[in-house]
Amino acid sequence: MAKTPGAGRTKTRLSPPLSPQEATELGCCFLRDMTANLALAARSVPIDPFVAFAPAGSETDFAGVVQPDTGFVLADGSLPAPAGISGLGICLLQAVSSLLARGYGAVALLNADSPNLPTALLIEAARMLCARQQPVVLGPSSDGGYYLIGMRRAYADLFREIDWSSARVADQTRARVAGLALDLVELEPWYDVDDAASLRALIADLREPSGAAAPYPAAATRHFILTGSIAERLQAHLDARPHSILIP
């Protein structure tokens, strides 16, 4: 799932400490690494990578950013959606429905914000979707959302009345899965990089990986971050932020 790269619409919560152009370049590095990671996973399991993009007609803007064998499917929220589905949910449902309509037996939606996501988690998701009859595969994020959701049918209820961009997204999705009596498979949690704090966590992992699963090396992101002054400016930005004071 990705917006067309562009200053002012890519990684806006990272500007500052990054300039709008730097935030755009970082977002491009994320896409380059994530599509390369999908290509790596596709050597082990049957995966056809796509960018579910918006706005319409902007596919050429991804040239040179994503892997050459990456397909494109429109996910701009332009298709009608059932009642109770709004915002990001419309785009997610559109992407699932469009890819299933092309004849795929399962679809997994992946964020564009986890450049060092372990390849093993992508492989596990694909294997679970292939092996089970009614699975929903969920990769929960540390912020309460999810970095991946996979299914074999376009279950509109999974996107209904979800408080997008909140810490309740994963729990609300689990409740929708339970309501449909589907088989929920959860992957190891990972994190999105969409603000200064999560960028600091990414920088630390790129320098010294941690976690149960081996992170993807994210070569493009690592080169962009660690060869510039981004880490230093990020720390200065975090140090300069006002701290909350609790008054009893």
C-alpha atoms as a PDB file:
ATOM      1  CA  MET A   1       0.000   0.000   0.000  1.00  0.00           C
ATOM      2  CA  ALA A   2       1.710   3.220  -1.122  1.00  0.00           C
ATOM      3  CA  LYS A   3       1.059   6.795  -2.110  1.00  0.00           C
ATOM      4  CA  THR A   4       2.969   8.103  -5.093  1.00  0.00           C
ATOM      5  CA  PRO A   5       6.271   9.546  -3.814  1.00  0.00           C
ATOM      6  CA  GLY A   6       6.310  13.313  -3.611  1.00  0.00           C
ATOM      7  CA  ALA A   7       7.371  16.133  -1.300  1.00  0.00           C
ATOM      8  CA  GLY A   8       4.557  17.091   1.045  1.00  0.00           C
ATOM      9  CA  ARG A   9       2.732  13.761   0.785  1.00  0.00           C
ATOM     10  CA  THR A  10       5.424  11.222   1.714  1.00  0.00           C
ATOM     11  CA  LYS A  11       6.519  10.664   5.327  1.00  0.00           C
ATOM     12  CA  THR A  12       5.109  14.045   6.370  1.00  0.00           C
ATOM     13  CA  ARG A  13       5.340  13.199  10.085  1.00  0.00           C
ATOM     14  CA  LEU A  14       9.124  13.008   9.692  1.00  0.00           C
ATOM     15  CA  SER A  15       9.390  16.577   8.481  1.00  0.00           C
ATOM     16  CA  PRO A  16      10.929  17.958  10.665  1.00  0.00           C
ATOM     17  CA  PRO A  17      13.580  16.762  11.461  1.00  0.00           C
ATOM     18  CA  LEU A  18      13.864  15.829   7.760  1.00  0.00           C
ATOM     19  CA  SER A  19      13.218  18.289   4.986  1.00  0.00           C
ATOM     20  CA  PRO A  20      10.209  17.452   2.770  1.00  0.00           C
ATOM     21  CA  GLN A  21      12.608  16.300   0.035  1.00  0.00           C
ATOM     22  CA  GLU A  22      14.551  14.091   2.461  1.00  0.00           C
ATOM     23  CA  ALA A  23      11.289  12.602   3.742  1.00  0.00           C
ATOM     24  CA  THR A  24      10.344  11.779   0.153  1.00  0.00           C
ATOM     25  CA  GLU A  25      13.741  10.195  -0.509  1.00  0.00           C
ATOM     26  CA  LEU A  26      13.440   8.124   2.657  1.00  0.00           C
ATOM     27  CA  GLY A  27       9.986   6.937   1.583  1.00  0.00           C
ATOM     28  CA  CYS A  28      11.448   5.904  -1.776  1.00  0.00           C
ATOM     29  CA  CYS A  29      14.168   3.943   0.027  1.00  0.00           C
ATOM     30  CA  PHE A  30      11.477   2.179   2.045  1.00  0.00           C
ATOM     31  CA  LEU A  31       9.639   1.172  -1.140  1.00  0.00           C
ATOM     32  CA  ARG A  32      12.847   0.044  -2.808  1.00  0.00           C
ATOM     33  CA  ASP A  33      13.744  -2.153   0.165  1.00  0.00           C
ATOM     34  CA  MET A  34      10.252  -3.522   0.724  1.00  0.00           C
ATOM     35  CA  THR A  35       9.760  -4.566  -2.897  1.00  0.00           C
ATOM     36  CA  ALA A  36      13.245  -6.117  -2.880  1.00  0.00           C
ATOM     37  CA  ASN A  37      12.274  -7.975   0.289  1.00  0.00           C
ATOM     38  CA  LEU A  38       9.138  -9.295  -1.425  1.00  0.00           C
ATOM     39  CA  ALA A  39      11.226 -10.438  -4.385  1.00  0.00           C
ATOM     40  CA  LEU A  40      13.502 -12.289  -1.973  1.00  0.00           C
ATOM     41  CA  ALA A  41      10.542 -13.967  -0.257  1.00  0.00           C
ATOM     42  CA  ALA A  42       9.167 -14.951  -3.678  1.00  0.00           C
ATOM     43  CA  ARG A  43      12.157 -17.257  -4.141  1.00  0.00           C
ATOM     44  CA  SER A  44      10.716 -19.478  -1.383  1.00  0.00           C
ATOM     45  CA  VAL A  45       6.929 -19.096  -1.712  1.00  0.00           C
ATOM     46  CA  PRO A  46       4.516 -18.161  -4.535  1.00  0.00           C
ATOM     47  CA  ILE A  47       4.309 -14.366  -4.238  1.00  0.00           C
ATOM     48  CA  ASP A  48       3.493 -11.884  -6.995  1.00  0.00           C
ATOM     49  CA  PRO A  49       4.350  -8.410  -5.650  1.00  0.00           C
ATOM     50  CA  PHE A  50       2.137  -5.412  -6.402  1.00  0.00           C
ATOM     51  CA  VAL A  51       2.050  -1.794  -5.345  1.00  0.00           C
ATOM     52  CA  ALA A  52      -1.516  -0.849  -4.398  1.00  0.00           C
ATOM     53  CA  PHE A  53      -1.205   2.820  -5.259  1.00  0.00           C
ATOM     54  CA  ALA A  54      -2.895   6.205  -5.393  1.00  0.00           C
ATOM     55  CA  PRO A  55      -3.651   8.520  -7.102  1.00  0.00           C
ATOM     56  CA  ALA A  56      -4.867   7.084 -10.400  1.00  0.00           C
ATOM     57  CA  GLY A  57      -2.508   7.409 -13.351  1.00  0.00           C
ATOM     58  CA  SER A  58       0.646   7.793 -11.249  1.00  0.00           C
ATOM     59  CA  GLU A  59       2.233   4.376 -11.887  1.00  0.00           C
ATOM     60  CA  THR A  60       5.118   5.897 -13.841  1.00  0.00           C
ATOM     61  CA  ASP A  61       6.149   7.906 -10.769  1.00  0.00           C
ATOM     62  CA  PHE A  62       7.282   4.646  -9.162  1.00  0.00           C
ATOM     63  CA  ALA A  63       9.756   3.921 -11.993  1.00  0.00           C
ATOM     64  CA  GLY A  64      13.221   3.378 -10.597  1.00  0.00           C
ATOM     65  CA  VAL A  65      11.846   3.170  -7.064  1.00  0.00           C
ATOM     66  CA  VAL A  66      10.292  -0.303  -6.886  1.00  0.00           C
ATOM     67  CA  GLN A  67      11.652  -3.600  -8.195  1.00  0.00           C
ATOM     68  CA  PRO A  68      11.181  -4.009 -11.982  1.00  0.00           C
ATOM     69  CA  ASP A  69       8.891  -7.060 -11.635  1.00  0.00           C
ATOM     70  CA  THR A  70       6.424  -5.262  -9.345  1.00  0.00           C
ATOM     71  CA  GLY A  71       2.849  -4.961 -10.613  1.00  0.00           C
ATOM     72  CA  PHE A  72       0.371  -2.173  -9.911  1.00  0.00           C
ATOM     73  CA  VAL A  73      -3.223  -2.137  -8.711  1.00  0.00           C
ATOM     74  CA  LEU A  74      -5.233   1.011  -8.051  1.00  0.00           C
ATOM     75  CA  ALA A  75      -6.299   1.545  -4.429  1.00  0.00           C
ATOM     76  CA  ASP A  76      -7.504   5.137  -4.325  1.00  0.00           C
ATOM     77  CA  GLY A  77     -10.861   4.546  -2.655  1.00  0.00           C
ATOM     78  CA  SER A  78     -12.780   5.266  -5.851  1.00  0.00           C
ATOM     79  CA  LEU A  79     -14.845   2.052  -5.793  1.00  0.00           C
ATOM     80  CA  PRO A  80     -18.137   1.990  -3.855  1.00  0.00           C
ATOM     81  CA  ALA A  81     -17.833   0.371  -0.427  1.00  0.00           C
ATOM     82  CA  PRO A  82     -20.433  -1.102   1.929  1.00  0.00           C
ATOM     83  CA  ALA A  83     -21.794   1.029   4.755  1.00  0.00           C
ATOM     84  CA  GLY A  84     -19.477   1.503   7.704  1.00  0.00           C
ATOM     85  CA  ILE A  85     -16.276   1.339   5.658  1.00  0.00           C
ATOM     86  CA  SER A  86     -14.449   4.628   5.257  1.00  0.00           C
ATOM     87  CA  GLY A  87     -11.052   6.200   4.749  1.00  0.00           C
ATOM     88  CA  LEU A  88      -8.187   3.760   4.511  1.00  0.00           C
ATOM     89  CA  GLY A  89     -10.626   0.850   4.818  1.00  0.00           C
ATOM     90  CA  ILE A  90     -12.090   1.620   1.382  1.00  0.00           C
ATOM     91  CA  CYS A  91      -8.621   1.547  -0.185  1.00  0.00           C
ATOM     92  CA  LEU A  92      -7.687  -1.712   1.543  1.00  0.00           C
ATOM     93  CA  LEU A  93     -10.909  -3.421   0.480  1.00  0.00           C
ATOM     94  CA  GLN A  94     -10.433  -2.131  -3.074  1.00  0.00           C
ATOM     95  CA  ALA A  95      -6.934  -3.613  -3.244  1.00  0.00           C
ATOM     96  CA  VAL A  96      -8.069  -7.018  -1.935  1.00  0.00           C
ATOM     97  CA  SER A  97     -11.113  -7.178  -4.215  1.00  0.00           C
ATOM     98  CA  SER A  98      -9.189  -6.103  -7.313  1.00  0.00           C
ATOM     99  CA  LEU A  99      -6.421  -8.666  -6.867  1.00  0.00           C
ATOM    100  CA  LEU A 100      -8.805 -11.514  -6.079  1.00  0.00           C
ATOM    101  CA  ALA A 101     -10.728 -10.556  -9.241  1.00  0.00           C
ATOM    102  CA  ARG A 102      -7.525 -11.183 -11.209  1.00  0.00           C
ATOM    103  CA  GLY A 103      -7.658 -14.820 -10.131  1.00  0.00           C
ATOM    104  CA  TYR A 104      -5.389 -14.921  -7.105  1.00  0.00           C
ATOM    105  CA  GLY A 105      -6.300 -17.392  -4.387  1.00  0.00           C
ATOM    106  CA  ALA A 106      -5.197 -15.106  -1.560  1.00  0.00           C
ATOM    107  CA  VAL A 107      -4.080 -11.532  -1.003  1.00  0.00           C
ATOM    108  CA  ALA A 108      -1.885 -10.042   1.699  1.00  0.00           C
ATOM    109  CA  LEU A 109      -1.728  -6.290   2.158  1.00  0.00           C
ATOM    110  CA  LEU A 110       1.573  -4.901   3.408  1.00  0.00           C
ATOM    111  CA  ASN A 111       2.402  -1.425   4.636  1.00  0.00           C
ATOM    112  CA  ALA A 112       5.090   0.766   3.077  1.00  0.00           C
ATOM    113  CA  ASP A 113       6.665   1.709   6.415  1.00  0.00           C
ATOM    114  CA  SER A 114       8.652  -1.336   7.581  1.00  0.00           C
ATOM    115  CA  PRO A 115      11.793  -1.518   5.435  1.00  0.00           C
ATOM    116  CA  ASN A 116      13.599  -3.995   7.707  1.00  0.00           C
ATOM    117  CA  LEU A 117      10.663  -6.374   8.184  1.00  0.00           C
ATOM    118  CA  PRO A 118      12.092  -9.900   8.484  1.00  0.00           C
ATOM    119  CA  THR A 119      11.731 -11.833   5.226  1.00  0.00           C
ATOM    120  CA  ALA A 120      10.752 -14.864   7.288  1.00  0.00           C
ATOM    121  CA  LEU A 121       7.503 -13.129   8.275  1.00  0.00           C
ATOM    122  CA  LEU A 122       6.542 -12.585   4.631  1.00  0.00           C
ATOM    123  CA  ILE A 123       7.266 -16.242   3.891  1.00  0.00           C
ATOM    124  CA  GLU A 124       5.253 -17.381   6.903  1.00  0.00           C
ATOM    125  CA  ALA A 125       2.284 -15.235   5.876  1.00  0.00           C
ATOM    126  CA  ALA A 126       2.257 -16.687   2.356  1.00  0.00           C
ATOM    127  CA  ARG A 127       2.526 -20.254   3.646  1.00  0.00           C
ATOM    128  CA  MET A 128      -0.338 -19.783   6.100  1.00  0.00           C
ATOM    129  CA  LEU A 129      -2.572 -18.325   3.388  1.00  0.00           C
ATOM    130  CA  CYS A 130      -1.810 -21.268   1.099  1.00  0.00           C
ATOM    131  CA  ALA A 131      -2.202 -23.964   3.755  1.00  0.00           C
ATOM    132  CA  ARG A 132      -5.459 -22.995   5.491  1.00  0.00           C
ATOM    133  CA  GLN A 133      -9.053 -22.850   4.274  1.00  0.00           C
ATOM    134  CA  GLN A 134     -10.392 -19.690   5.954  1.00  0.00           C
ATOM    135  CA  PRO A 135      -7.389 -17.874   7.344  1.00  0.00           C
ATOM    136  CA  VAL A 136      -6.888 -14.243   8.222  1.00  0.00           C
ATOM    137  CA  VAL A 137      -3.182 -13.574   8.708  1.00  0.00           C
ATOM    138  CA  LEU A 138      -2.430 -10.547  10.847  1.00  0.00           C
ATOM    139  CA  GLY A 139       0.947  -8.933  11.426  1.00  0.00           C
ATOM    140  CA  PRO A 140       0.389  -6.608  14.406  1.00  0.00           C
ATOM    141  CA  SER A 141       2.389  -3.421  14.763  1.00  0.00           C
ATOM    142  CA  SER A 142       3.854  -2.219  18.028  1.00  0.00           C
ATOM    143  CA  ASP A 143       1.702   0.928  17.806  1.00  0.00           C
ATOM    144  CA  GLY A 144      -1.564  -1.026  17.897  1.00  0.00           C
ATOM    145  CA  GLY A 145      -2.136  -1.195  14.155  1.00  0.00           C
ATOM    146  CA  TYR A 146      -0.939  -3.857  11.739  1.00  0.00           C
ATOM    147  CA  TYR A 147       1.781  -4.049   9.119  1.00  0.00           C
ATOM    148  CA  LEU A 148       0.160  -6.942   7.204  1.00  0.00           C
ATOM    149  CA  ILE A 149      -3.264  -8.472   6.765  1.00  0.00           C
ATOM    150  CA  GLY A 150      -3.966 -11.432   4.482  1.00  0.00           C
ATOM    151  CA  MET A 151      -7.104 -13.314   3.464  1.00  0.00           C
ATOM    152  CA  ARG A 152      -8.537 -15.632   0.818  1.00  0.00           C
ATOM    153  CA  ARG A 153     -11.781 -13.691   0.369  1.00  0.00           C
ATOM    154  CA  ALA A 154     -12.639  -9.986   0.442  1.00  0.00           C
ATOM    155  CA  TYR A 155     -14.186  -9.831   3.910  1.00  0.00           C
ATOM    156  CA  ALA A 156     -15.676  -6.337   4.029  1.00  0.00           C
ATOM    157  CA  ASP A 157     -16.356  -6.655   7.761  1.00  0.00           C
ATOM    158  CA  LEU A 158     -12.620  -6.650   8.457  1.00  0.00           C
ATOM    159  CA  PHE A 159     -12.541  -3.008   7.372  1.00  0.00           C
ATOM    160  CA  ARG A 160     -15.860  -1.893   8.841  1.00  0.00           C
ATOM    161  CA  GLU A 161     -15.973   0.681  11.663  1.00  0.00           C
ATOM    162  CA  ILE A 162     -12.228   0.615  12.269  1.00  0.00           C
ATOM    163  CA  ASP A 163     -10.628   3.606  13.976  1.00  0.00           C
ATOM    164  CA  TRP A 164      -7.817   3.995  11.455  1.00  0.00           C
ATOM    165  CA  SER A 165      -4.542   5.566  12.638  1.00  0.00           C
ATOM    166  CA  SER A 166      -5.320   4.685  16.233  1.00  0.00           C
ATOM    167  CA  ALA A 167      -3.948   2.159  18.721  1.00  0.00           C
ATOM    168  CA  ARG A 168      -7.241   0.232  18.466  1.00  0.00           C
ATOM    169  CA  VAL A 169      -6.898  -0.966  14.871  1.00  0.00           C
ATOM    170  CA  ALA A 170      -5.441  -4.432  15.536  1.00  0.00           C
ATOM    171  CA  ASP A 171      -7.811  -5.191  18.428  1.00  0.00           C
ATOM    172  CA  GLN A 172     -10.832  -4.057  16.412  1.00  0.00           C
ATOM    173  CA  THR A 173      -9.672  -6.221  13.506  1.00  0.00           C
ATOM    174  CA  ARG A 174      -9.291  -9.227  15.814  1.00  0.00           C
ATOM    175  CA  ALA A 175     -12.867  -8.652  16.983  1.00  0.00           C
ATOM    176  CA  ARG A 176     -14.121  -8.590  13.366  1.00  0.00           C
ATOM    177  CA  VAL A 177     -12.270 -11.852  12.649  1.00  0.00           C
ATOM    178  CA  ALA A 178     -13.843 -13.472  15.696  1.00  0.00           C
ATOM    179  CA  GLY A 179     -17.281 -12.243  14.622  1.00  0.00           C
ATOM    180  CA  LEU A 180     -16.843 -13.971  11.267  1.00  0.00           C
ATOM    181  CA  ALA A 181     -15.591 -17.174  12.967  1.00  0.00           C
ATOM    182  CA  LEU A 182     -12.457 -17.184  10.815  1.00  0.00           C
ATOM    183  CA  ASP A 183      -9.109 -18.776  11.591  1.00  0.00           C
ATOM    184  CA  LEU A 184      -6.798 -16.012  12.847  1.00  0.00           C
ATOM    185  CA  VAL A 185      -3.052 -16.498  12.439  1.00  0.00           C
ATOM    186  CA  GLU A 186      -0.841 -13.871  14.053  1.00  0.00           C
ATOM    187  CA  LEU A 187       2.709 -13.143  13.007  1.00  0.00           C
ATOM    188  CA  GLU A 188       5.454 -11.744  15.208  1.00  0.00           C
ATOM    189  CA  PRO A 189       4.848  -8.040  15.941  1.00  0.00           C
ATOM    190  CA  TRP A 190       6.970  -5.495  14.105  1.00  0.00           C
ATOM    191  CA  TYR A 191       6.971  -1.725  13.846  1.00  0.00           C
ATOM    192  CA  ASP A 192       6.051   0.987  11.366  1.00  0.00           C
ATOM    193  CA  VAL A 193       8.396   3.901  10.786  1.00  0.00           C
ATOM    194  CA  ASP A 194       6.226   6.990  10.569  1.00  0.00           C
ATOM    195  CA  ASP A 195       7.462   9.393  13.262  1.00  0.00           C
ATOM    196  CA  ALA A 196      10.675  10.508  14.965  1.00  0.00           C
ATOM    197  CA  ALA A 197      10.543   7.879  17.714  1.00  0.00           C
ATOM    198  CA  SER A 198      10.081   4.954  15.324  1.00  0.00           C
ATOM    199  CA  LEU A 199      12.777   6.343  13.024  1.00  0.00           C
ATOM    200  CA  ARG A 200      15.154   6.302  15.994  1.00  0.00           C
ATOM    201  CA  ALA A 201      14.247   2.633  16.586  1.00  0.00           C
ATOM    202  CA  LEU A 202      14.955   1.859  12.925  1.00  0.00           C
ATOM    203  CA  ILE A 203      18.344   3.574  13.067  1.00  0.00           C
ATOM    204  CA  ALA A 204      19.271   1.539  16.148  1.00  0.00           C
ATOM    205  CA  ASP A 205      18.215  -1.699  14.415  1.00  0.00           C
ATOM    206  CA  LEU A 206      20.123  -0.843  11.247  1.00  0.00           C
ATOM    207  CA  ARG A 207      23.242  -0.357  13.354  1.00  0.00           C
ATOM    208  CA  GLU A 208      22.722  -3.376  15.597  1.00  0.00           C
ATOM    209  CA  PRO A 209      19.771  -5.655  14.671  1.00  0.00           C
ATOM    210  CA  SER A 210      17.579  -7.018  17.459  1.00  0.00           C
ATOM    211  CA  GLY A 211      14.485  -9.220  17.699  1.00  0.00           C
ATOM    212  CA  ALA A 212      13.661 -12.903  17.383  1.00  0.00           C
ATOM    213  CA  ALA A 213      13.564 -12.907  13.561  1.00  0.00           C
ATOM    214  CA  ALA A 214      16.497 -11.606  11.530  1.00  0.00           C
ATOM    215  CA  PRO A 215      15.576  -8.192  10.087  1.00  0.00           C
ATOM    216  CA  TYR A 216      15.851  -7.567   6.364  1.00  0.00           C
ATOM    217  CA  PRO A 217      19.100  -5.606   5.758  1.00  0.00           C
ATOM    218  CA  ALA A 218      17.264  -2.719   4.024  1.00  0.00           C
ATOM    219  CA  ALA A 219      20.362  -1.655   2.091  1.00  0.00           C
ATOM    220  CA  ALA A 220      18.843   1.419   0.427  1.00  0.00           C
ATOM    221  CA  THR A 221      17.397   2.756   3.682  1.00  0.00           C
ATOM    222  CA  ARG A 222      20.549   1.967   5.617  1.00  0.00           C
ATOM    223  CA  HIS A 223      22.767   3.783   3.110  1.00  0.00           C
ATOM    224  CA  PHE A 224      20.515   6.856   3.047  1.00  0.00           C
ATOM    225  CA  ILE A 225      20.305   7.144   6.840  1.00  0.00           C
ATOM    226  CA  LEU A 226      23.745   6.118   7.997  1.00  0.00           C
ATOM    227  CA  THR A 227      25.828   7.979   5.417  1.00  0.00           C
ATOM    228  CA  GLY A 228      24.221  11.348   6.169  1.00  0.00           C
ATOM    229  CA  SER A 229      23.605  13.399   9.275  1.00  0.00           C
ATOM    230  CA  ILE A 230      20.048  12.165   9.774  1.00  0.00           C
ATOM    231  CA  ALA A 231      20.732  10.309  13.023  1.00  0.00           C
ATOM    232  CA  GLU A 232      22.384  13.346  14.574  1.00  0.00           C
ATOM    233  CA  ARG A 233      19.659  15.763  13.466  1.00  0.00           C
ATOM    234  CA  LEU A 234      16.991  13.339  14.664  1.00  0.00           C
ATOM    235  CA  GLN A 235      18.550  13.174  18.122  1.00  0.00           C
ATOM    236  CA  ALA A 236      18.802  16.962  18.283  1.00  0.00           C
ATOM    237  CA  HIS A 237      15.143  17.214  17.271  1.00  0.00           C
ATOM    238  CA  LEU A 238      14.076  14.767  19.974  1.00  0.00           C
ATOM    239  CA  ASP A 239      16.201  16.519  22.594  1.00  0.00           C
ATOM    240  CA  ALA A 240      14.633  19.875  21.712  1.00  0.00           C
ATOM    241  CA  ARG A 241      11.052  18.701  22.111  1.00  0.00           C
ATOM    242  CA  PRO A 242       9.265  19.968  25.238  1.00  0.00           C
ATOM    243  CA  HIS A 243       8.723  17.353  27.919  1.00  0.00           C
ATOM    244  CA  SER A 244       5.450  16.927  29.740  1.00  0.00           C
ATOM    245  CA  ILE A 245       5.423  17.813  33.427  1.00  0.00           C
ATOM    246  CA  LEU A 246       2.956  16.043  35.657  1.00  0.00           C
ATOM    247  CA  ILE A 247       1.599  18.245  38.447  1.00  0.00           C
ATOM    248  CA  PRO A 248      -0.038  16.311  41.294  1.00  0.00           C
END
